[in-house]
Amino acid sequence: GSQLKELARESVLSLIQKLGASAECDLSNITEIVLVGNPIMHHSFLGFDVVPLGQMPFDLATDEAVEISAEEVGIPIPAASVYFAPCIAGHVGADSAAALLSEKTHQMTSRQLLVDIGTNAEIMFKGAGGVVAASSPTGPAFEGAQITHGQRATVGAIERVRIDRDTFEPSFKVIGCESWSNEP
């Protein structure tokens, strides 16, 4: 709990300091810090219990945005506030909400599909009735857990697939090889 919270906060502070230095920005000029992350990152940074996220029904401590002073979370910038965007659900985080907003999915009239692949794959679909989201673990695919056919994501595993728009011929690229399957 508290150790994870401190590590998360120290990491964010370190990133802010590095970004400020590279941009030659006086950190005291910062007035707002916006953060997004998956539910574990969100809860860890804010000091919420992460245990409920790991067991049914995967309840969030809050599904509301959180706004607090930067100093309350260990960021020594007196004039700054921290806005942590809301998580959508127990496995669909504020990073997914931010992706939906940045792509302006809510403003589009056509059907949209947005996929965020990380530790989990968040799959969000916007249709006429609104946006629905689902999440599926991807870690086992990358780690090779319980694979009976195929292999884990190491040298020789397929990492990319593309389909020619004109001929519909597929080609693929494997980890450790620079060329595609249809190239000499």
N, C-alpha and C. Protein backbone atom coordinates (compact mmCIF):
# COMPACT_ATOMS: atom_id res chain seq x y z
N GLY A 1 0.75 -1.19 0.00
CA GLY A 1 0.00 0.00 0.00
C GLY A 1 0.80 1.27 0.00
N SER A 2 1.30 1.67 1.17
CA SER A 2 1.94 2.99 1.25
C SER A 2 3.29 3.00 0.53
N GLN A 3 3.99 1.87 0.51
CA GLN A 3 5.27 1.82 -0.20
C GLN A 3 5.04 1.97 -1.71
N LEU A 4 4.02 1.31 -2.22
CA LEU A 4 3.68 1.41 -3.64
C LEU A 4 3.25 2.84 -3.97
N LYS A 5 2.47 3.45 -3.10
CA LYS A 5 2.04 4.84 -3.29
C LYS A 5 3.25 5.77 -3.37
N GLU A 6 4.18 5.61 -2.43
CA GLU A 6 5.36 6.48 -2.42
C GLU A 6 6.21 6.29 -3.67
N LEU A 7 6.38 5.04 -4.10
CA LEU A 7 7.15 4.78 -5.33
C LEU A 7 6.47 5.40 -6.54
N ALA A 8 5.16 5.28 -6.63
CA ALA A 8 4.42 5.88 -7.76
C ALA A 8 4.59 7.39 -7.75
N ARG A 9 4.45 7.99 -6.59
CA ARG A 9 4.56 9.45 -6.49
C ARG A 9 5.98 9.93 -6.77
N GLU A 10 6.98 9.20 -6.27
CA GLU A 10 8.38 9.56 -6.54
C GLU A 10 8.68 9.46 -8.03
N SER A 11 8.12 8.45 -8.69
CA SER A 11 8.34 8.28 -10.13
C SER A 11 7.73 9.43 -10.92
N VAL A 12 6.52 9.83 -10.56
CA VAL A 12 5.87 10.95 -11.24
C VAL A 12 6.67 12.23 -11.02
N LEU A 13 7.10 12.48 -9.79
CA LEU A 13 7.90 13.67 -9.49
C LEU A 13 9.19 13.67 -10.31
N SER A 14 9.85 12.53 -10.38
CA SER A 14 11.08 12.42 -11.16
C SER A 14 10.84 12.74 -12.63
N LEU A 15 9.73 12.24 -13.18
CA LEU A 15 9.40 12.54 -14.57
C LEU A 15 9.13 14.03 -14.77
N ILE A 16 8.40 14.63 -13.84
CA ILE A 16 8.12 16.07 -13.93
C ILE A 16 9.42 16.86 -13.91
N GLN A 17 10.33 16.49 -13.02
CA GLN A 17 11.62 17.19 -12.92
C GLN A 17 12.44 17.02 -14.20
N LYS A 18 12.46 15.81 -14.75
CA LYS A 18 13.22 15.57 -15.99
C LYS A 18 12.61 16.34 -17.16
N LEU A 19 11.28 16.30 -17.28
CA LEU A 19 10.62 17.04 -18.36
C LEU A 19 10.84 18.54 -18.21
N GLY A 20 10.75 19.02 -16.98
CA GLY A 20 10.97 20.44 -16.73
C GLY A 20 12.38 20.86 -17.11
N ALA A 21 13.36 20.05 -16.76
CA ALA A 21 14.75 20.35 -17.09
C ALA A 21 14.97 20.34 -18.60
N SER A 22 14.42 19.33 -19.28
CA SER A 22 14.64 19.25 -20.73
C SER A 22 13.91 20.37 -21.48
N ALA A 23 12.82 20.87 -20.92
CA ALA A 23 12.07 21.97 -21.54
C ALA A 23 12.53 23.33 -21.02
N GLU A 24 13.52 23.32 -20.12
CA GLU A 24 14.00 24.54 -19.48
C GLU A 24 12.84 25.33 -18.87
N CYS A 25 12.00 24.60 -18.15
CA CYS A 25 10.80 25.16 -17.54
C CYS A 25 11.00 25.28 -16.03
N ASP A 26 10.70 26.44 -15.50
CA ASP A 26 10.71 26.64 -14.05
C ASP A 26 9.46 25.95 -13.50
N LEU A 27 9.66 24.91 -12.71
CA LEU A 27 8.53 24.13 -12.22
C LEU A 27 7.53 24.95 -11.42
N SER A 28 7.96 26.05 -10.84
CA SER A 28 7.02 26.88 -10.07
C SER A 28 5.98 27.54 -10.98
N ASN A 29 6.20 27.50 -12.29
CA ASN A 29 5.23 28.06 -13.24
C ASN A 29 4.11 27.07 -13.57
N ILE A 30 4.26 25.84 -13.14
CA ILE A 30 3.24 24.83 -13.42
C ILE A 30 2.05 25.04 -12.49
N THR A 31 0.86 25.09 -13.07
CA THR A 31 -0.34 25.28 -12.25
C THR A 31 -1.27 24.07 -12.27
N GLU A 32 -1.13 23.22 -13.29
CA GLU A 32 -1.99 22.04 -13.34
C GLU A 32 -1.21 20.85 -13.89
N ILE A 33 -1.39 19.72 -13.26
CA ILE A 33 -0.78 18.46 -13.69
C ILE A 33 -1.92 17.48 -13.92
N VAL A 34 -2.00 16.94 -15.12
CA VAL A 34 -3.05 15.99 -15.46
C VAL A 34 -2.42 14.61 -15.59
N LEU A 35 -2.98 13.65 -14.87
CA LEU A 35 -2.47 12.28 -14.89
C LEU A 35 -3.55 11.32 -15.36
N VAL A 36 -3.13 10.31 -16.09
CA VAL A 36 -4.00 9.20 -16.46
C VAL A 36 -3.19 7.92 -16.27
N GLY A 37 -3.88 6.83 -16.06
CA GLY A 37 -3.20 5.55 -15.92
C GLY A 37 -4.22 4.44 -15.78
N ASN A 38 -3.71 3.23 -15.79
CA ASN A 38 -4.62 2.10 -15.59
C ASN A 38 -5.09 2.10 -14.14
N PRO A 39 -6.09 1.31 -13.80
CA PRO A 39 -6.63 1.36 -12.43
C PRO A 39 -5.59 1.09 -11.33
N ILE A 40 -4.63 0.21 -11.57
CA ILE A 40 -3.60 -0.04 -10.55
C ILE A 40 -2.74 1.20 -10.36
N MET A 41 -2.30 1.82 -11.44
CA MET A 41 -1.50 3.05 -11.33
C MET A 41 -2.30 4.14 -10.64
N HIS A 42 -3.55 4.31 -11.06
CA HIS A 42 -4.45 5.31 -10.50
C HIS A 42 -4.59 5.13 -8.99
N HIS A 43 -4.95 3.93 -8.58
CA HIS A 43 -5.18 3.66 -7.16
C HIS A 43 -3.89 3.74 -6.35
N SER A 44 -2.79 3.24 -6.92
CA SER A 44 -1.50 3.29 -6.21
C SER A 44 -1.09 4.73 -5.96
N PHE A 45 -1.14 5.56 -6.99
CA PHE A 45 -0.72 6.95 -6.86
C PHE A 45 -1.58 7.70 -5.85
N LEU A 46 -2.88 7.43 -5.88
CA LEU A 46 -3.80 8.16 -5.00
C LEU A 46 -3.90 7.56 -3.60
N GLY A 47 -3.26 6.41 -3.38
CA GLY A 47 -3.27 5.80 -2.06
C GLY A 47 -4.50 4.96 -1.77
N PHE A 48 -5.24 4.59 -2.80
CA PHE A 48 -6.41 3.72 -2.62
C PHE A 48 -5.96 2.26 -2.55
N ASP A 49 -6.73 1.45 -1.89
CA ASP A 49 -6.46 0.02 -1.78
C ASP A 49 -6.59 -0.63 -3.16
N VAL A 50 -5.54 -1.34 -3.59
CA VAL A 50 -5.58 -1.99 -4.90
C VAL A 50 -6.13 -3.42 -4.83
N VAL A 51 -6.25 -3.97 -3.63
CA VAL A 51 -6.70 -5.36 -3.49
C VAL A 51 -8.04 -5.63 -4.17
N PRO A 52 -9.06 -4.76 -4.01
CA PRO A 52 -10.35 -5.03 -4.66
C PRO A 52 -10.26 -5.09 -6.19
N LEU A 53 -9.22 -4.51 -6.77
CA LEU A 53 -9.07 -4.55 -8.23
C LEU A 53 -8.63 -5.93 -8.71
N GLY A 54 -8.12 -6.74 -7.81
CA GLY A 54 -7.61 -8.05 -8.18
C GLY A 54 -8.56 -9.20 -7.93
N GLN A 55 -9.76 -8.89 -7.48
CA GLN A 55 -10.72 -9.95 -7.20
C GLN A 55 -12.13 -9.49 -7.56
N MET A 56 -12.95 -10.46 -7.93
CA MET A 56 -14.34 -10.16 -8.30
C MET A 56 -15.00 -9.34 -7.20
N PRO A 57 -15.75 -8.35 -7.49
CA PRO A 57 -16.19 -7.84 -8.80
C PRO A 57 -15.30 -6.73 -9.37
N PHE A 58 -14.03 -6.65 -8.94
CA PHE A 58 -13.06 -5.68 -9.47
C PHE A 58 -13.52 -4.23 -9.25
N ASP A 59 -13.92 -3.95 -8.03
CA ASP A 59 -14.47 -2.62 -7.70
C ASP A 59 -13.39 -1.55 -7.61
N LEU A 60 -13.71 -0.39 -8.18
CA LEU A 60 -12.88 0.80 -8.05
C LEU A 60 -13.18 1.47 -6.71
N ALA A 61 -12.17 2.12 -6.14
CA ALA A 61 -12.41 2.92 -4.94
C ALA A 61 -13.25 4.15 -5.30
N THR A 62 -13.06 4.66 -6.52
CA THR A 62 -13.86 5.76 -7.04
C THR A 62 -13.86 5.70 -8.56
N ASP A 63 -14.97 6.10 -9.15
CA ASP A 63 -15.01 6.23 -10.60
C ASP A 63 -15.15 7.71 -10.98
N GLU A 64 -14.79 8.56 -10.05
CA GLU A 64 -14.83 10.01 -10.26
C GLU A 64 -13.41 10.53 -10.50
N ALA A 65 -13.31 11.67 -11.17
CA ALA A 65 -12.02 12.34 -11.29
C ALA A 65 -11.60 12.80 -9.90
N VAL A 66 -10.30 12.88 -9.67
CA VAL A 66 -9.77 13.33 -8.38
C VAL A 66 -8.90 14.55 -8.64
N GLU A 67 -9.19 15.64 -7.93
CA GLU A 67 -8.38 16.84 -8.03
C GLU A 67 -7.90 17.23 -6.64
N ILE A 68 -6.59 17.32 -6.49
CA ILE A 68 -5.99 17.66 -5.20
C ILE A 68 -4.77 18.54 -5.44
N SER A 69 -4.25 19.15 -4.39
CA SER A 69 -3.06 19.98 -4.55
C SER A 69 -1.86 19.08 -4.80
N ALA A 70 -0.93 19.58 -5.59
CA ALA A 70 0.28 18.81 -5.91
C ALA A 70 1.04 18.46 -4.63
N GLU A 71 1.08 19.38 -3.70
CA GLU A 71 1.82 19.14 -2.45
C GLU A 71 1.24 17.97 -1.66
N GLU A 72 -0.09 17.75 -1.75
CA GLU A 72 -0.72 16.63 -1.04
C GLU A 72 -0.22 15.27 -1.53
N VAL A 73 0.29 15.24 -2.76
CA VAL A 73 0.78 13.97 -3.30
C VAL A 73 2.30 14.00 -3.48
N GLY A 74 2.96 14.85 -2.72
CA GLY A 74 4.42 14.85 -2.70
C GLY A 74 5.10 15.56 -3.84
N ILE A 75 4.37 16.41 -4.55
CA ILE A 75 4.97 17.18 -5.64
C ILE A 75 5.10 18.62 -5.14
N PRO A 76 6.33 19.05 -4.84
CA PRO A 76 6.54 20.35 -4.20
C PRO A 76 6.42 21.54 -5.16
N ILE A 77 5.23 21.71 -5.70
CA ILE A 77 4.94 22.86 -6.56
C ILE A 77 3.69 23.52 -5.96
N PRO A 78 3.87 24.51 -5.09
CA PRO A 78 2.76 25.08 -4.31
C PRO A 78 1.55 25.54 -5.12
N ALA A 79 1.76 26.10 -6.30
CA ALA A 79 0.63 26.64 -7.07
C ALA A 79 -0.09 25.59 -7.91
N ALA A 80 0.44 24.37 -7.95
CA ALA A 80 -0.11 23.37 -8.87
C ALA A 80 -1.16 22.48 -8.22
N SER A 81 -2.13 22.11 -9.04
CA SER A 81 -3.09 21.08 -8.62
C SER A 81 -2.87 19.87 -9.52
N VAL A 82 -3.26 18.71 -9.01
CA VAL A 82 -3.16 17.46 -9.76
C VAL A 82 -4.57 17.00 -10.07
N TYR A 83 -4.82 16.77 -11.34
CA TYR A 83 -6.10 16.24 -11.78
C TYR A 83 -5.84 14.83 -12.29
N PHE A 84 -6.43 13.83 -11.64
CA PHE A 84 -6.31 12.45 -12.11
C PHE A 84 -7.64 12.09 -12.72
N ALA A 85 -7.63 11.85 -14.02
CA ALA A 85 -8.86 11.52 -14.74
C ALA A 85 -9.50 10.26 -14.17
N PRO A 86 -10.80 10.10 -14.33
CA PRO A 86 -11.49 8.94 -13.76
C PRO A 86 -11.23 7.65 -14.53
N CYS A 87 -11.23 6.56 -13.79
CA CYS A 87 -11.20 5.23 -14.41
C CYS A 87 -12.62 4.91 -14.88
N ILE A 88 -12.73 4.07 -15.88
CA ILE A 88 -14.03 3.68 -16.41
C ILE A 88 -14.59 2.49 -15.63
N ALA A 89 -13.74 1.52 -15.35
CA ALA A 89 -14.15 0.30 -14.63
C ALA A 89 -12.91 -0.34 -14.03
N GLY A 90 -13.09 -1.46 -13.35
CA GLY A 90 -12.00 -2.12 -12.64
C GLY A 90 -10.80 -2.50 -13.47
N HIS A 91 -10.98 -2.72 -14.75
CA HIS A 91 -9.84 -3.03 -15.62
C HIS A 91 -9.76 -2.10 -16.82
N VAL A 92 -10.53 -1.02 -16.80
CA VAL A 92 -10.50 -0.03 -17.88
C VAL A 92 -10.22 1.31 -17.23
N GLY A 93 -9.00 1.80 -17.43
CA GLY A 93 -8.54 2.93 -16.65
C GLY A 93 -8.74 4.30 -17.26
N ALA A 94 -8.16 5.27 -16.56
CA ALA A 94 -8.20 6.67 -16.98
C ALA A 94 -7.43 6.86 -18.28
N ASP A 95 -6.44 6.00 -18.53
CA ASP A 95 -5.71 6.09 -19.79
C ASP A 95 -6.62 5.77 -20.97
N SER A 96 -7.53 4.83 -20.78
CA SER A 96 -8.50 4.50 -21.84
C SER A 96 -9.49 5.64 -22.03
N ALA A 97 -9.93 6.24 -20.93
CA ALA A 97 -10.83 7.39 -21.02
C ALA A 97 -10.15 8.53 -21.77
N ALA A 98 -8.87 8.76 -21.48
CA ALA A 98 -8.12 9.81 -22.16
C ALA A 98 -7.96 9.51 -23.65
N ALA A 99 -7.75 8.25 -23.99
CA ALA A 99 -7.64 7.87 -25.41
C ALA A 99 -8.95 8.16 -26.14
N LEU A 100 -10.08 7.82 -25.51
CA LEU A 100 -11.38 8.11 -26.12
C LEU A 100 -11.56 9.61 -26.35
N LEU A 101 -11.18 10.40 -25.35
CA LEU A 101 -11.32 11.85 -25.47
C LEU A 101 -10.37 12.43 -26.51
N SER A 102 -9.12 11.97 -26.51
CA SER A 102 -8.14 12.54 -27.44
C SER A 102 -8.48 12.20 -28.89
N GLU A 103 -9.12 11.07 -29.11
CA GLU A 103 -9.53 10.68 -30.46
C GLU A 103 -10.89 11.27 -30.82
N LYS A 104 -11.51 11.97 -29.88
CA LYS A 104 -12.82 12.62 -30.07
C LYS A 104 -13.88 11.61 -30.48
N THR A 105 -13.76 10.41 -29.95
CA THR A 105 -14.69 9.33 -30.27
C THR A 105 -16.12 9.72 -29.96
N HIS A 106 -16.32 10.43 -28.87
CA HIS A 106 -17.67 10.83 -28.46
C HIS A 106 -18.33 11.82 -29.43
N GLN A 107 -17.54 12.50 -30.26
CA GLN A 107 -18.09 13.47 -31.21
C GLN A 107 -18.35 12.87 -32.59
N MET A 108 -17.86 11.68 -32.84
CA MET A 108 -17.98 11.08 -34.17
C MET A 108 -19.33 10.40 -34.34
N THR A 109 -19.84 10.47 -35.56
CA THR A 109 -21.12 9.84 -35.85
C THR A 109 -20.96 8.42 -36.39
N SER A 110 -19.78 8.11 -36.91
CA SER A 110 -19.54 6.77 -37.44
C SER A 110 -19.14 5.81 -36.32
N ARG A 111 -19.20 4.54 -36.60
CA ARG A 111 -18.75 3.54 -35.63
C ARG A 111 -17.24 3.65 -35.48
N GLN A 112 -16.79 3.47 -34.26
CA GLN A 112 -15.36 3.59 -33.97
C GLN A 112 -14.93 2.43 -33.09
N LEU A 113 -13.70 1.97 -33.30
CA LEU A 113 -13.11 0.94 -32.46
C LEU A 113 -11.76 1.45 -32.01
N LEU A 114 -11.53 1.45 -30.71
CA LEU A 114 -10.26 1.88 -30.15
C LEU A 114 -9.74 0.74 -29.29
N VAL A 115 -8.50 0.33 -29.51
CA VAL A 115 -7.90 -0.76 -28.76
C VAL A 115 -6.61 -0.26 -28.12
N ASP A 116 -6.46 -0.48 -26.83
CA ASP A 116 -5.27 -0.11 -26.07
C ASP A 116 -4.67 -1.41 -25.54
N ILE A 117 -3.51 -1.79 -26.08
CA ILE A 117 -2.89 -3.04 -25.66
C ILE A 117 -1.72 -2.75 -24.75
N GLY A 118 -1.80 -3.29 -23.55
CA GLY A 118 -0.75 -3.19 -22.55
C GLY A 118 -0.82 -4.44 -21.70
N THR A 119 -0.78 -4.30 -20.39
CA THR A 119 -0.95 -5.44 -19.50
C THR A 119 -2.29 -6.09 -19.75
N ASN A 120 -3.28 -5.26 -20.00
CA ASN A 120 -4.60 -5.71 -20.46
C ASN A 120 -4.85 -5.07 -21.82
N ALA A 121 -5.76 -5.65 -22.56
CA ALA A 121 -6.21 -5.02 -23.81
C ALA A 121 -7.58 -4.43 -23.52
N GLU A 122 -7.66 -3.11 -23.57
CA GLU A 122 -8.95 -2.45 -23.43
C GLU A 122 -9.49 -2.23 -24.83
N ILE A 123 -10.70 -2.71 -25.04
CA ILE A 123 -11.33 -2.63 -26.35
C ILE A 123 -12.58 -1.79 -26.17
N MET A 124 -12.64 -0.66 -26.87
CA MET A 124 -13.76 0.25 -26.74
C MET A 124 -14.41 0.44 -28.09
N PHE A 125 -15.72 0.28 -28.12
CA PHE A 125 -16.47 0.39 -29.37
C PHE A 125 -17.54 1.45 -29.20
N LYS A 126 -17.61 2.36 -30.17
CA LYS A 126 -18.66 3.37 -30.17
C LYS A 126 -19.61 3.07 -31.31
N GLY A 127 -20.84 2.86 -30.95
CA GLY A 127 -21.90 2.65 -31.93
C GLY A 127 -22.97 3.69 -31.73
N ALA A 128 -24.12 3.47 -32.32
CA ALA A 128 -25.23 4.41 -32.22
C ALA A 128 -25.70 4.59 -30.79
N GLY A 129 -25.58 3.55 -29.96
CA GLY A 129 -26.07 3.61 -28.59
C GLY A 129 -25.07 4.13 -27.58
N GLY A 130 -23.88 4.50 -28.01
CA GLY A 130 -22.87 4.99 -27.09
C GLY A 130 -21.60 4.16 -27.17
N VAL A 131 -20.80 4.23 -26.11
CA VAL A 131 -19.52 3.53 -26.07
C VAL A 131 -19.60 2.39 -25.08
N VAL A 132 -19.11 1.23 -25.49
CA VAL A 132 -18.98 0.09 -24.58
C VAL A 132 -17.50 -0.26 -24.51
N ALA A 133 -17.08 -0.77 -23.36
CA ALA A 133 -15.68 -1.11 -23.15
C ALA A 133 -15.57 -2.49 -22.53
N ALA A 134 -14.51 -3.18 -22.89
CA ALA A 134 -14.21 -4.49 -22.31
C ALA A 134 -12.70 -4.57 -22.13
N SER A 135 -12.29 -5.47 -21.26
CA SER A 135 -10.87 -5.64 -20.99
C SER A 135 -10.53 -7.11 -20.94
N SER A 136 -9.36 -7.44 -21.46
CA SER A 136 -8.91 -8.83 -21.44
C SER A 136 -7.42 -8.83 -21.11
N PRO A 137 -6.96 -9.78 -20.29
CA PRO A 137 -5.53 -9.81 -19.98
C PRO A 137 -4.70 -10.15 -21.20
N THR A 138 -3.59 -9.44 -21.38
CA THR A 138 -2.67 -9.77 -22.46
C THR A 138 -1.36 -10.30 -21.92
N GLY A 139 -1.13 -10.10 -20.64
CA GLY A 139 0.11 -10.59 -20.03
C GLY A 139 0.42 -12.03 -20.35
N PRO A 140 -0.55 -12.95 -20.19
CA PRO A 140 -0.27 -14.35 -20.49
C PRO A 140 0.21 -14.56 -21.92
N ALA A 141 -0.31 -13.78 -22.86
CA ALA A 141 0.13 -13.93 -24.25
C ALA A 141 1.59 -13.52 -24.40
N PHE A 142 1.99 -12.44 -23.70
CA PHE A 142 3.37 -11.98 -23.79
C PHE A 142 4.31 -12.85 -22.97
N GLU A 143 3.81 -13.41 -21.88
CA GLU A 143 4.63 -14.20 -20.98
C GLU A 143 4.67 -15.67 -21.36
N GLY A 144 3.77 -16.12 -22.20
CA GLY A 144 3.74 -17.51 -22.61
C GLY A 144 3.03 -18.43 -21.64
N ALA A 145 2.20 -17.89 -20.77
CA ALA A 145 1.51 -18.71 -19.76
C ALA A 145 0.50 -19.64 -20.41
N GLN A 146 0.54 -20.89 -20.05
CA GLN A 146 -0.42 -21.91 -20.46
C GLN A 146 -0.56 -22.05 -21.97
N ILE A 147 0.52 -21.82 -22.71
CA ILE A 147 0.48 -22.00 -24.15
C ILE A 147 0.65 -23.48 -24.47
N THR A 148 -0.25 -24.02 -25.27
CA THR A 148 -0.11 -25.41 -25.71
C THR A 148 0.30 -25.47 -27.17
N HIS A 149 0.02 -24.44 -27.95
CA HIS A 149 0.43 -24.35 -29.35
C HIS A 149 1.04 -22.98 -29.55
N GLY A 150 2.13 -22.90 -30.28
CA GLY A 150 2.76 -21.61 -30.51
C GLY A 150 3.87 -21.35 -29.52
N GLN A 151 4.17 -20.09 -29.30
CA GLN A 151 5.27 -19.73 -28.41
C GLN A 151 5.02 -18.37 -27.78
N ARG A 152 5.82 -18.07 -26.78
CA ARG A 152 5.72 -16.76 -26.14
C ARG A 152 6.33 -15.69 -27.04
N ALA A 153 6.20 -14.44 -26.66
CA ALA A 153 6.67 -13.31 -27.47
C ALA A 153 8.18 -13.16 -27.36
N THR A 154 8.92 -14.04 -28.04
CA THR A 154 10.38 -13.99 -28.09
C THR A 154 10.82 -14.12 -29.54
N VAL A 155 12.13 -14.16 -29.77
CA VAL A 155 12.67 -14.28 -31.12
C VAL A 155 11.99 -15.42 -31.87
N GLY A 156 11.50 -15.09 -33.05
CA GLY A 156 10.83 -16.09 -33.89
C GLY A 156 9.31 -16.02 -33.83
N ALA A 157 8.77 -15.34 -32.85
CA ALA A 157 7.31 -15.21 -32.74
C ALA A 157 6.82 -14.11 -33.68
N ILE A 158 5.65 -14.29 -34.22
CA ILE A 158 5.06 -13.27 -35.10
C ILE A 158 4.73 -12.04 -34.27
N GLU A 159 5.22 -10.88 -34.76
CA GLU A 159 4.95 -9.63 -34.04
C GLU A 159 4.06 -8.68 -34.82
N ARG A 160 3.99 -8.85 -36.13
CA ARG A 160 3.15 -7.96 -36.94
C ARG A 160 2.57 -8.74 -38.11
N VAL A 161 1.38 -8.36 -38.49
CA VAL A 161 0.71 -8.93 -39.65
C VAL A 161 0.16 -7.77 -40.46
N ARG A 162 0.29 -7.85 -41.76
CA ARG A 162 -0.35 -6.83 -42.60
C ARG A 162 -0.99 -7.54 -43.80
N ILE A 163 -2.00 -6.91 -44.32
CA ILE A 163 -2.73 -7.46 -45.46
C ILE A 163 -2.71 -6.42 -46.57
N ASP A 164 -2.25 -6.83 -47.75
CA ASP A 164 -2.18 -5.94 -48.89
C ASP A 164 -3.60 -5.48 -49.25
N ARG A 165 -3.80 -4.18 -49.36
CA ARG A 165 -5.14 -3.63 -49.62
C ARG A 165 -5.68 -4.03 -51.00
N ASP A 166 -4.80 -4.27 -51.95
CA ASP A 166 -5.25 -4.61 -53.30
C ASP A 166 -5.43 -6.11 -53.51
N THR A 167 -4.45 -6.89 -53.04
CA THR A 167 -4.48 -8.33 -53.30
C THR A 167 -5.01 -9.15 -52.13
N PHE A 168 -5.11 -8.53 -50.97
CA PHE A 168 -5.51 -9.20 -49.73
C PHE A 168 -4.53 -10.29 -49.29
N GLU A 169 -3.32 -10.26 -49.85
CA GLU A 169 -2.29 -11.22 -49.47
C GLU A 169 -1.73 -10.83 -48.10
N PRO A 170 -1.68 -11.79 -47.19
CA PRO A 170 -1.10 -11.49 -45.88
C PRO A 170 0.42 -11.61 -45.90
N SER A 171 1.06 -10.86 -45.04
CA SER A 171 2.49 -11.03 -44.78
C SER A 171 2.68 -10.80 -43.29
N PHE A 172 3.79 -11.27 -42.78
CA PHE A 172 4.04 -11.12 -41.35
C PHE A 172 5.51 -10.85 -41.10
N LYS A 173 5.78 -10.37 -39.91
CA LYS A 173 7.13 -10.06 -39.45
C LYS A 173 7.31 -10.76 -38.12
N VAL A 174 8.49 -11.32 -37.91
CA VAL A 174 8.75 -12.01 -36.65
C VAL A 174 9.78 -11.25 -35.84
N ILE A 175 9.72 -11.43 -34.55
CA ILE A 175 10.68 -10.81 -33.63
C ILE A 175 12.08 -11.32 -33.98
N GLY A 176 13.01 -10.39 -34.13
CA GLY A 176 14.39 -10.76 -34.41
C GLY A 176 14.75 -10.75 -35.89
N CYS A 177 13.79 -10.45 -36.76
CA CYS A 177 14.04 -10.42 -38.20
C CYS A 177 13.54 -9.09 -38.74
N GLU A 178 14.39 -8.39 -39.48
CA GLU A 178 14.02 -7.07 -39.99
C GLU A 178 13.09 -7.12 -41.19
N SER A 179 13.14 -8.21 -41.97
CA SER A 179 12.33 -8.26 -43.19
C SER A 179 10.98 -8.92 -42.94
N TRP A 180 10.05 -8.65 -43.85
CA TRP A 180 8.72 -9.24 -43.81
C TRP A 180 8.75 -10.59 -44.53
N SER A 181 7.75 -11.42 -44.28
CA SER A 181 7.70 -12.77 -44.85
C SER A 181 7.68 -12.78 -46.37
N ASN A 182 7.19 -11.73 -47.00
CA ASN A 182 7.11 -11.69 -48.46
C ASN A 182 8.30 -10.97 -49.10
N GLU A 183 9.31 -10.66 -48.31
CA GLU A 183 10.51 -9.99 -48.82
C GLU A 183 11.65 -11.00 -48.89
N PRO A 184 12.53 -10.83 -49.91
CA PRO A 184 13.66 -11.78 -50.03
C PRO A 184 14.64 -11.66 -48.89
